[in-house]
């Protein structure tokens, strides 16, 4: 996983993946990925919104 989201496209891709995990309630092994996506998106939003 990336350390930061640098472009709007990377942010949108992270958001798509986040929604996919939430909507499909995929296996619990995605918990770490979900937490990392949330962290990355929060940082991006703080810096760019």
N, C-alpha and C. Protein backbone atom coordinates (compact mmCIF):
# COMPACT_ATOMS: atom_id res chain seq x y z
N UNK A 1 0.85 -1.18 0.00
CA UNK A 1 0.00 0.00 0.00
C UNK A 1 0.89 1.23 0.00
N UNK A 2 0.43 2.24 -0.67
CA UNK A 2 1.17 3.50 -0.77
C UNK A 2 1.26 4.19 0.59
N UNK A 3 2.26 5.03 0.74
CA UNK A 3 2.41 5.80 1.97
C UNK A 3 1.57 7.06 1.94
N UNK A 4 1.22 7.57 0.74
CA UNK A 4 0.36 8.74 0.63
C UNK A 4 -0.31 8.76 -0.74
N UNK A 5 -1.42 9.44 -0.77
CA UNK A 5 -2.15 9.64 -2.01
C UNK A 5 -1.72 11.01 -2.54
N UNK A 6 -1.22 11.04 -3.75
CA UNK A 6 -0.68 12.29 -4.27
C UNK A 6 -1.57 12.97 -5.29
N UNK A 7 -2.47 12.23 -5.90
CA UNK A 7 -3.32 12.83 -6.93
C UNK A 7 -4.79 12.56 -6.63
N UNK A 8 -5.64 13.34 -7.28
CA UNK A 8 -7.08 13.14 -7.15
C UNK A 8 -7.47 11.74 -7.63
N UNK A 9 -6.82 11.27 -8.67
CA UNK A 9 -7.12 9.93 -9.20
C UNK A 9 -6.76 8.85 -8.18
N UNK A 10 -5.63 8.98 -7.51
CA UNK A 10 -5.27 8.01 -6.47
C UNK A 10 -6.28 8.04 -5.33
N UNK A 11 -6.72 9.25 -4.98
CA UNK A 11 -7.74 9.39 -3.93
C UNK A 11 -9.04 8.70 -4.35
N UNK A 12 -9.46 8.93 -5.58
CA UNK A 12 -10.70 8.32 -6.07
C UNK A 12 -10.59 6.80 -6.11
N UNK A 13 -9.45 6.29 -6.50
CA UNK A 13 -9.24 4.84 -6.53
C UNK A 13 -9.30 4.26 -5.12
N UNK A 14 -8.71 4.95 -4.15
CA UNK A 14 -8.78 4.51 -2.76
C UNK A 14 -10.22 4.52 -2.27
N UNK A 15 -10.95 5.55 -2.65
CA UNK A 15 -12.37 5.65 -2.26
C UNK A 15 -13.18 4.52 -2.89
N UNK A 16 -12.92 4.21 -4.16
CA UNK A 16 -13.63 3.08 -4.81
C UNK A 16 -13.35 1.78 -4.07
N UNK A 17 -12.09 1.55 -3.71
CA UNK A 17 -11.73 0.31 -3.00
C UNK A 17 -12.37 0.28 -1.62
N UNK A 18 -12.37 1.40 -0.93
CA UNK A 18 -13.01 1.52 0.38
C UNK A 18 -14.48 1.13 0.28
N UNK A 19 -15.18 1.71 -0.68
CA UNK A 19 -16.61 1.41 -0.85
C UNK A 19 -16.84 -0.05 -1.23
N UNK A 20 -15.95 -0.61 -2.02
CA UNK A 20 -16.06 -2.01 -2.40
C UNK A 20 -15.98 -2.91 -1.17
N UNK A 21 -15.02 -2.63 -0.31
CA UNK A 21 -14.87 -3.43 0.91
C UNK A 21 -16.11 -3.29 1.79
N UNK A 22 -16.58 -2.07 1.99
CA UNK A 22 -17.74 -1.82 2.86
C UNK A 22 -19.00 -2.46 2.28
N UNK A 23 -19.25 -2.26 1.00
CA UNK A 23 -20.47 -2.76 0.37
C UNK A 23 -20.52 -4.28 0.34
N UNK A 24 -19.40 -4.90 0.10
CA UNK A 24 -19.37 -6.35 -0.03
C UNK A 24 -19.07 -7.07 1.27
N UNK A 25 -18.73 -6.30 2.29
CA UNK A 25 -18.36 -6.87 3.58
C UNK A 25 -17.45 -8.08 3.39
N UNK A 26 -16.35 -7.81 2.71
CA UNK A 26 -15.40 -8.87 2.40
C UNK A 26 -14.79 -9.44 3.67
N UNK A 27 -14.04 -10.50 3.53
CA UNK A 27 -13.46 -11.20 4.67
C UNK A 27 -12.70 -10.26 5.59
N UNK A 28 -12.56 -10.70 6.83
CA UNK A 28 -11.92 -9.87 7.84
C UNK A 28 -10.45 -9.60 7.55
N UNK A 29 -9.84 -10.35 6.63
CA UNK A 29 -8.44 -10.09 6.32
C UNK A 29 -8.27 -8.76 5.58
N UNK A 30 -9.37 -8.11 5.27
CA UNK A 30 -9.32 -6.79 4.63
C UNK A 30 -9.37 -5.66 5.65
N UNK A 31 -9.43 -5.99 6.92
CA UNK A 31 -9.48 -4.95 7.96
C UNK A 31 -8.27 -4.03 7.91
N UNK A 32 -7.10 -4.60 7.77
CA UNK A 32 -5.89 -3.78 7.72
C UNK A 32 -5.90 -2.87 6.50
N UNK A 33 -6.32 -3.42 5.36
CA UNK A 33 -6.39 -2.61 4.14
C UNK A 33 -7.40 -1.48 4.32
N UNK A 34 -8.53 -1.78 4.93
CA UNK A 34 -9.56 -0.77 5.16
C UNK A 34 -9.03 0.35 6.06
N UNK A 35 -8.37 -0.01 7.14
CA UNK A 35 -7.80 0.99 8.04
C UNK A 35 -6.75 1.85 7.35
N UNK A 36 -5.93 1.23 6.51
CA UNK A 36 -4.91 1.98 5.78
C UNK A 36 -5.55 2.93 4.77
N UNK A 37 -6.58 2.48 4.07
CA UNK A 37 -7.29 3.35 3.13
C UNK A 37 -7.88 4.55 3.85
N UNK A 38 -8.48 4.32 4.99
CA UNK A 38 -9.07 5.42 5.76
C UNK A 38 -7.99 6.41 6.15
N UNK A 39 -6.86 5.92 6.63
CA UNK A 39 -5.75 6.80 7.04
C UNK A 39 -5.25 7.62 5.85
N UNK A 40 -5.04 6.96 4.72
CA UNK A 40 -4.55 7.67 3.54
C UNK A 40 -5.54 8.72 3.06
N UNK A 41 -6.82 8.38 3.04
CA UNK A 41 -7.82 9.32 2.58
C UNK A 41 -7.95 10.51 3.53
N UNK A 42 -7.86 10.26 4.82
CA UNK A 42 -7.93 11.36 5.79
C UNK A 42 -6.77 12.34 5.60
N UNK A 43 -5.58 11.81 5.40
CA UNK A 43 -4.42 12.66 5.18
C UNK A 43 -4.60 13.47 3.90
N UNK A 44 -5.04 12.81 2.84
CA UNK A 44 -5.24 13.51 1.57
C UNK A 44 -6.28 14.62 1.73
N UNK A 45 -7.39 14.31 2.37
CA UNK A 45 -8.45 15.31 2.55
C UNK A 45 -7.96 16.48 3.39
N UNK A 46 -7.21 16.21 4.43
CA UNK A 46 -6.69 17.28 5.28
C UNK A 46 -5.77 18.21 4.48
N UNK A 47 -4.93 17.63 3.64
CA UNK A 47 -3.96 18.41 2.90
C UNK A 47 -4.54 19.09 1.66
N UNK A 48 -5.65 18.58 1.12
CA UNK A 48 -6.12 19.06 -0.18
C UNK A 48 -7.54 19.59 -0.21
N UNK A 49 -8.25 19.50 0.86
CA UNK A 49 -9.65 19.96 0.83
C UNK A 49 -9.86 21.16 1.72
